[in-house]
N, C-alpha and C. Protein backbone atom coordinates (compact mmCIF):
# COMPACT_ATOMS: atom_id res chain seq x y z
N MET A 1 -28.89 53.13 56.81
CA MET A 1 -28.56 51.97 56.01
C MET A 1 -29.84 51.47 55.35
N ARG A 2 -29.75 51.21 54.07
CA ARG A 2 -30.89 50.66 53.34
C ARG A 2 -31.20 49.25 53.84
N GLU A 3 -32.44 48.85 53.74
CA GLU A 3 -32.85 47.51 54.17
C GLU A 3 -32.06 46.43 53.41
N GLU A 4 -31.80 46.67 52.12
CA GLU A 4 -31.04 45.71 51.31
C GLU A 4 -29.63 45.55 51.86
N ASP A 5 -29.02 46.66 52.28
CA ASP A 5 -27.66 46.60 52.84
C ASP A 5 -27.65 45.85 54.17
N MET A 6 -28.71 46.04 54.94
CA MET A 6 -28.84 45.31 56.20
C MET A 6 -28.85 43.81 55.92
N GLY A 7 -29.55 43.40 54.88
CA GLY A 7 -29.59 41.99 54.50
C GLY A 7 -28.22 41.47 54.12
N ILE A 8 -27.46 42.27 53.40
CA ILE A 8 -26.11 41.87 53.01
C ILE A 8 -25.23 41.71 54.24
N VAL A 9 -25.25 42.68 55.13
CA VAL A 9 -24.40 42.61 56.32
C VAL A 9 -24.80 41.43 57.20
N LYS A 10 -26.09 41.24 57.41
CA LYS A 10 -26.53 40.09 58.21
C LYS A 10 -26.12 38.77 57.55
N SER A 11 -26.18 38.73 56.25
CA SER A 11 -25.75 37.52 55.53
C SER A 11 -24.26 37.28 55.72
N LEU A 12 -23.49 38.35 55.75
CA LEU A 12 -22.05 38.21 55.96
C LEU A 12 -21.73 37.72 57.37
N VAL A 13 -22.61 37.99 58.31
CA VAL A 13 -22.44 37.42 59.65
C VAL A 13 -22.50 35.90 59.55
N SER A 14 -23.41 35.37 58.74
CA SER A 14 -23.48 33.92 58.54
C SER A 14 -22.17 33.39 57.95
N VAL A 15 -21.61 34.13 57.03
CA VAL A 15 -20.33 33.74 56.43
C VAL A 15 -19.23 33.73 57.49
N ALA A 16 -19.23 34.76 58.33
CA ALA A 16 -18.22 34.85 59.39
C ALA A 16 -18.29 33.64 60.33
N TRP A 17 -19.46 33.10 60.53
CA TRP A 17 -19.64 31.94 61.40
C TRP A 17 -19.38 30.62 60.68
N ALA A 18 -19.05 30.63 59.39
CA ALA A 18 -18.92 29.41 58.59
C ALA A 18 -17.94 28.40 59.16
N ASP A 19 -16.87 28.88 59.78
CA ASP A 19 -15.89 27.96 60.37
C ASP A 19 -16.18 27.66 61.84
N GLY A 20 -17.35 28.10 62.32
CA GLY A 20 -17.75 27.84 63.68
C GLY A 20 -17.29 28.87 64.69
N HIS A 21 -16.56 29.89 64.21
CA HIS A 21 -16.04 30.93 65.10
C HIS A 21 -16.33 32.31 64.51
N PHE A 22 -16.53 33.27 65.38
CA PHE A 22 -16.69 34.66 64.97
C PHE A 22 -15.56 35.42 65.66
N ASP A 23 -14.39 35.38 65.01
CA ASP A 23 -13.15 35.90 65.59
C ASP A 23 -13.02 37.41 65.44
N GLU A 24 -11.99 37.94 66.06
CA GLU A 24 -11.75 39.39 66.09
C GLU A 24 -11.66 39.99 64.69
N LYS A 25 -10.92 39.35 63.79
CA LYS A 25 -10.78 39.88 62.42
C LYS A 25 -12.14 39.95 61.73
N GLU A 26 -12.96 38.94 61.96
CA GLU A 26 -14.29 38.92 61.35
C GLU A 26 -15.17 40.01 61.98
N ARG A 27 -15.05 40.20 63.26
CA ARG A 27 -15.80 41.27 63.93
C ARG A 27 -15.38 42.63 63.36
N GLU A 28 -14.07 42.80 63.15
CA GLU A 28 -13.57 44.06 62.60
C GLU A 28 -14.14 44.32 61.21
N MET A 29 -14.25 43.27 60.40
CA MET A 29 -14.78 43.45 59.05
C MET A 29 -16.27 43.80 59.11
N VAL A 30 -17.01 43.16 60.01
CA VAL A 30 -18.43 43.49 60.16
C VAL A 30 -18.57 44.94 60.63
N GLU A 31 -17.71 45.36 61.55
CA GLU A 31 -17.74 46.74 62.02
C GLU A 31 -17.43 47.71 60.87
N ALA A 32 -16.49 47.34 60.02
CA ALA A 32 -16.16 48.17 58.86
C ALA A 32 -17.36 48.28 57.92
N LEU A 33 -18.09 47.19 57.74
CA LEU A 33 -19.28 47.22 56.89
C LEU A 33 -20.38 48.07 57.51
N ILE A 34 -20.52 47.99 58.83
CA ILE A 34 -21.49 48.84 59.53
C ILE A 34 -21.19 50.30 59.23
N SER A 35 -19.92 50.63 59.27
CA SER A 35 -19.50 52.00 59.00
C SER A 35 -19.67 52.35 57.52
N ALA A 36 -19.24 51.46 56.64
CA ALA A 36 -19.29 51.73 55.20
C ALA A 36 -20.73 51.92 54.71
N PHE A 37 -21.65 51.15 55.28
CA PHE A 37 -23.05 51.26 54.88
C PHE A 37 -23.80 52.34 55.68
N GLU A 38 -23.05 53.05 56.51
CA GLU A 38 -23.59 54.17 57.29
C GLU A 38 -24.81 53.76 58.12
N ALA A 39 -24.63 52.70 58.88
CA ALA A 39 -25.71 52.23 59.74
C ALA A 39 -25.95 53.23 60.87
N SER A 40 -27.20 53.37 61.25
CA SER A 40 -27.53 54.18 62.42
C SER A 40 -27.07 53.41 63.66
N GLU A 41 -27.05 54.07 64.79
CA GLU A 41 -26.67 53.40 66.04
C GLU A 41 -27.62 52.23 66.32
N GLU A 42 -28.90 52.45 66.04
CA GLU A 42 -29.89 51.38 66.25
C GLU A 42 -29.61 50.19 65.34
N GLN A 43 -29.32 50.46 64.07
CA GLN A 43 -29.02 49.38 63.12
C GLN A 43 -27.73 48.66 63.50
N ALA A 44 -26.72 49.43 63.90
CA ALA A 44 -25.44 48.83 64.31
C ALA A 44 -25.65 47.90 65.50
N GLY A 45 -26.46 48.35 66.46
CA GLY A 45 -26.77 47.52 67.62
C GLY A 45 -27.50 46.24 67.23
N GLU A 46 -28.41 46.37 66.28
CA GLU A 46 -29.15 45.20 65.80
C GLU A 46 -28.21 44.19 65.16
N ILE A 47 -27.28 44.68 64.35
CA ILE A 47 -26.32 43.78 63.69
C ILE A 47 -25.42 43.11 64.73
N ARG A 48 -24.92 43.88 65.68
CA ARG A 48 -24.04 43.31 66.72
C ARG A 48 -24.77 42.24 67.53
N ALA A 49 -26.02 42.51 67.87
CA ALA A 49 -26.80 41.53 68.63
C ALA A 49 -27.05 40.28 67.77
N TYR A 50 -27.33 40.50 66.51
CA TYR A 50 -27.56 39.39 65.57
C TYR A 50 -26.31 38.52 65.46
N ALA A 51 -25.15 39.15 65.44
CA ALA A 51 -23.87 38.43 65.28
C ALA A 51 -23.45 37.69 66.54
N ALA A 52 -24.06 37.99 67.66
CA ALA A 52 -23.65 37.38 68.93
C ALA A 52 -23.94 35.89 68.99
N GLU A 53 -24.88 35.42 68.18
CA GLU A 53 -25.21 34.00 68.16
C GLU A 53 -24.87 33.42 66.79
N LYS A 54 -24.44 32.16 66.81
CA LYS A 54 -24.02 31.49 65.58
C LYS A 54 -25.14 31.53 64.53
N LYS A 55 -24.74 31.84 63.32
CA LYS A 55 -25.66 31.88 62.18
C LYS A 55 -25.20 30.87 61.14
N SER A 56 -26.12 30.51 60.25
CA SER A 56 -25.82 29.53 59.21
C SER A 56 -26.35 30.00 57.86
N LEU A 57 -26.15 29.18 56.88
CA LEU A 57 -26.63 29.48 55.53
C LEU A 57 -28.14 29.69 55.52
N ASP A 58 -28.84 28.97 56.38
CA ASP A 58 -30.30 29.09 56.44
C ASP A 58 -30.77 30.45 56.94
N ASP A 59 -29.88 31.20 57.59
CA ASP A 59 -30.24 32.52 58.13
C ASP A 59 -30.11 33.64 57.10
N ILE A 60 -29.64 33.33 55.92
CA ILE A 60 -29.44 34.35 54.89
C ILE A 60 -30.78 34.67 54.21
N PRO A 61 -31.19 35.94 54.27
CA PRO A 61 -32.49 36.35 53.71
C PRO A 61 -32.42 36.59 52.19
N VAL A 62 -32.21 35.53 51.46
CA VAL A 62 -32.01 35.63 50.00
C VAL A 62 -33.15 36.35 49.31
N TRP A 63 -34.36 36.06 49.70
CA TRP A 63 -35.51 36.60 48.95
C TRP A 63 -35.70 38.09 49.17
N ASP A 64 -34.98 38.64 50.14
CA ASP A 64 -35.04 40.08 50.38
C ASP A 64 -34.00 40.85 49.58
N MET A 65 -33.22 40.13 48.77
CA MET A 65 -32.12 40.76 48.02
C MET A 65 -32.36 40.71 46.52
N SER A 66 -31.99 41.79 45.86
CA SER A 66 -32.04 41.79 44.39
C SER A 66 -30.91 40.89 43.88
N PHE A 67 -30.97 40.58 42.59
CA PHE A 67 -29.90 39.76 42.01
C PHE A 67 -28.56 40.49 42.07
N ASN A 68 -28.56 41.80 41.91
CA ASN A 68 -27.31 42.57 42.03
C ASN A 68 -26.77 42.50 43.45
N ASP A 69 -27.64 42.62 44.45
CA ASP A 69 -27.21 42.52 45.84
C ASP A 69 -26.65 41.13 46.14
N ARG A 70 -27.19 40.11 45.52
CA ARG A 70 -26.69 38.74 45.73
C ARG A 70 -25.25 38.62 45.22
N ARG A 71 -24.97 39.28 44.12
CA ARG A 71 -23.61 39.25 43.57
C ARG A 71 -22.64 40.00 44.49
N VAL A 72 -23.10 41.12 45.01
CA VAL A 72 -22.29 41.89 45.97
C VAL A 72 -22.02 41.03 47.20
N LEU A 73 -23.05 40.36 47.69
CA LEU A 73 -22.90 39.49 48.85
C LEU A 73 -21.86 38.41 48.58
N LEU A 74 -21.93 37.77 47.43
CA LEU A 74 -20.98 36.70 47.10
C LEU A 74 -19.55 37.23 47.08
N GLN A 75 -19.33 38.38 46.48
CA GLN A 75 -17.98 38.97 46.46
C GLN A 75 -17.48 39.24 47.87
N HIS A 76 -18.31 39.87 48.69
CA HIS A 76 -17.92 40.18 50.06
C HIS A 76 -17.72 38.89 50.88
N ALA A 77 -18.53 37.89 50.62
CA ALA A 77 -18.42 36.63 51.35
C ALA A 77 -17.05 35.99 51.11
N VAL A 78 -16.62 35.98 49.87
CA VAL A 78 -15.31 35.40 49.57
C VAL A 78 -14.21 36.17 50.30
N LEU A 79 -14.26 37.49 50.24
CA LEU A 79 -13.26 38.30 50.94
C LEU A 79 -13.27 38.00 52.43
N LEU A 80 -14.44 37.89 53.01
CA LEU A 80 -14.55 37.63 54.45
C LEU A 80 -13.93 36.29 54.83
N THR A 81 -14.03 35.30 53.94
CA THR A 81 -13.45 33.99 54.27
C THR A 81 -11.93 34.03 54.32
N TYR A 82 -11.33 35.05 53.77
CA TYR A 82 -9.86 35.19 53.80
C TYR A 82 -9.39 36.16 54.88
N VAL A 83 -10.29 36.74 55.66
CA VAL A 83 -9.92 37.82 56.57
C VAL A 83 -8.89 37.39 57.62
N ASP A 84 -8.85 36.10 57.96
CA ASP A 84 -7.86 35.64 58.93
C ASP A 84 -6.59 35.12 58.27
N GLY A 85 -6.44 35.37 56.96
CA GLY A 85 -5.22 35.01 56.25
C GLY A 85 -5.31 33.76 55.41
N GLU A 86 -6.34 32.97 55.62
CA GLU A 86 -6.52 31.76 54.82
C GLU A 86 -7.99 31.40 54.76
N GLN A 87 -8.34 30.67 53.72
CA GLN A 87 -9.72 30.21 53.57
C GLN A 87 -9.76 28.75 54.00
N HIS A 88 -10.50 28.46 55.06
CA HIS A 88 -10.61 27.10 55.58
C HIS A 88 -11.56 26.30 54.70
N GLU A 89 -11.45 24.98 54.75
CA GLU A 89 -12.31 24.11 53.93
C GLU A 89 -13.79 24.36 54.23
N SER A 90 -14.13 24.56 55.50
CA SER A 90 -15.53 24.81 55.85
C SER A 90 -16.02 26.11 55.22
N GLU A 91 -15.13 27.09 55.12
CA GLU A 91 -15.50 28.37 54.50
C GLU A 91 -15.63 28.22 52.99
N LYS A 92 -14.74 27.43 52.40
CA LYS A 92 -14.81 27.19 50.95
C LYS A 92 -16.13 26.48 50.61
N LYS A 93 -16.50 25.48 51.41
CA LYS A 93 -17.76 24.78 51.18
C LYS A 93 -18.94 25.73 51.38
N PHE A 94 -18.86 26.58 52.38
CA PHE A 94 -19.93 27.54 52.63
C PHE A 94 -20.13 28.43 51.40
N VAL A 95 -19.04 28.91 50.81
CA VAL A 95 -19.14 29.77 49.62
C VAL A 95 -19.79 28.99 48.47
N GLN A 96 -19.41 27.73 48.30
CA GLN A 96 -20.02 26.91 47.24
C GLN A 96 -21.52 26.76 47.48
N ASP A 97 -21.89 26.47 48.72
CA ASP A 97 -23.30 26.32 49.06
C ASP A 97 -24.05 27.65 48.90
N LEU A 98 -23.36 28.74 49.24
CA LEU A 98 -23.96 30.07 49.11
C LEU A 98 -24.29 30.37 47.64
N CYS A 99 -23.41 29.97 46.75
CA CYS A 99 -23.67 30.19 45.31
C CYS A 99 -25.00 29.56 44.91
N GLY A 100 -25.25 28.35 45.38
CA GLY A 100 -26.51 27.69 45.07
C GLY A 100 -27.70 28.40 45.70
N LYS A 101 -27.56 28.80 46.95
CA LYS A 101 -28.65 29.47 47.64
C LYS A 101 -28.99 30.80 46.98
N LEU A 102 -27.98 31.50 46.48
CA LEU A 102 -28.20 32.80 45.85
C LEU A 102 -28.77 32.69 44.45
N GLU A 103 -28.81 31.47 43.92
CA GLU A 103 -29.34 31.19 42.59
C GLU A 103 -28.65 32.01 41.50
N ILE A 104 -27.34 32.08 41.61
CA ILE A 104 -26.53 32.71 40.56
C ILE A 104 -26.09 31.58 39.63
N GLU A 105 -26.22 31.80 38.33
CA GLU A 105 -25.83 30.77 37.37
C GLU A 105 -24.42 30.27 37.68
N PRO A 106 -24.19 28.95 37.59
CA PRO A 106 -22.90 28.38 37.98
C PRO A 106 -21.67 29.03 37.31
N GLU A 107 -21.75 29.29 36.02
CA GLU A 107 -20.60 29.91 35.33
C GLU A 107 -20.32 31.31 35.86
N GLU A 108 -21.38 32.08 36.06
CA GLU A 108 -21.20 33.43 36.59
C GLU A 108 -20.68 33.38 38.03
N ALA A 109 -21.24 32.48 38.83
CA ALA A 109 -20.80 32.35 40.23
C ALA A 109 -19.32 31.98 40.28
N LYS A 110 -18.91 31.08 39.41
CA LYS A 110 -17.50 30.66 39.36
C LYS A 110 -16.60 31.86 39.07
N LYS A 111 -16.99 32.69 38.13
CA LYS A 111 -16.19 33.87 37.78
C LYS A 111 -16.14 34.86 38.94
N ILE A 112 -17.27 35.08 39.59
CA ILE A 112 -17.31 36.01 40.73
C ILE A 112 -16.39 35.51 41.83
N VAL A 113 -16.48 34.22 42.15
CA VAL A 113 -15.66 33.64 43.21
C VAL A 113 -14.18 33.72 42.86
N GLU A 114 -13.83 33.34 41.63
CA GLU A 114 -12.42 33.38 41.22
C GLU A 114 -11.85 34.79 41.29
N THR A 115 -12.61 35.76 40.82
CA THR A 115 -12.16 37.16 40.86
C THR A 115 -11.99 37.63 42.30
N ALA A 116 -12.95 37.31 43.15
CA ALA A 116 -12.88 37.72 44.55
C ALA A 116 -11.74 37.02 45.28
N GLU A 117 -11.50 35.74 44.97
CA GLU A 117 -10.38 35.02 45.58
C GLU A 117 -9.05 35.65 45.17
N HIS A 118 -8.93 35.97 43.90
CA HIS A 118 -7.71 36.60 43.41
C HIS A 118 -7.47 37.93 44.14
N ARG A 119 -8.51 38.72 44.26
CA ARG A 119 -8.43 40.01 44.94
C ARG A 119 -8.05 39.82 46.40
N ALA A 120 -8.68 38.85 47.07
CA ALA A 120 -8.41 38.60 48.48
C ALA A 120 -6.96 38.16 48.69
N LYS A 121 -6.48 37.25 47.86
CA LYS A 121 -5.10 36.77 48.00
C LYS A 121 -4.09 37.88 47.72
N LYS A 122 -4.41 38.72 46.74
CA LYS A 122 -3.53 39.83 46.39
C LYS A 122 -3.42 40.85 47.52
N HIS A 123 -4.50 41.01 48.27
CA HIS A 123 -4.55 42.05 49.30
C HIS A 123 -4.65 41.48 50.72
N LEU A 124 -4.13 40.27 50.93
CA LEU A 124 -4.18 39.65 52.25
C LEU A 124 -3.62 40.58 53.33
N ASN A 125 -2.58 41.32 52.98
CA ASN A 125 -1.96 42.21 53.97
C ASN A 125 -2.89 43.34 54.40
N LEU A 126 -3.92 43.62 53.61
CA LEU A 126 -4.86 44.69 53.94
C LEU A 126 -6.09 44.18 54.71
N LEU A 127 -6.30 42.87 54.66
CA LEU A 127 -7.49 42.29 55.30
C LEU A 127 -7.31 42.15 56.78
């Protein structure tokens, strides 16, 4: 797994904790990302250990990510907030705060979030 991908996955752990819980569906999505990014056993273990404790917006390593990676993170973050079938208010606020932290222009961030929300709602049965 590339270092940039590790940053994205670790950032998504913060998103998973946005509602104060790291539930089974969220764990499954993180496991899927570990697999999709082809993490080594060592990297997978590092991510699992990292996810064991509550994370917040402050734990997201923004400066280690390119602007393209930040956009990928935002898309995945929105999808992750719907993984349990609904987006809670705390998760919605987290996504809004994440947009600011990622320093994506507001109009572009709005479009990314809207597109990702549409995709998530359309495919809720797959999440």
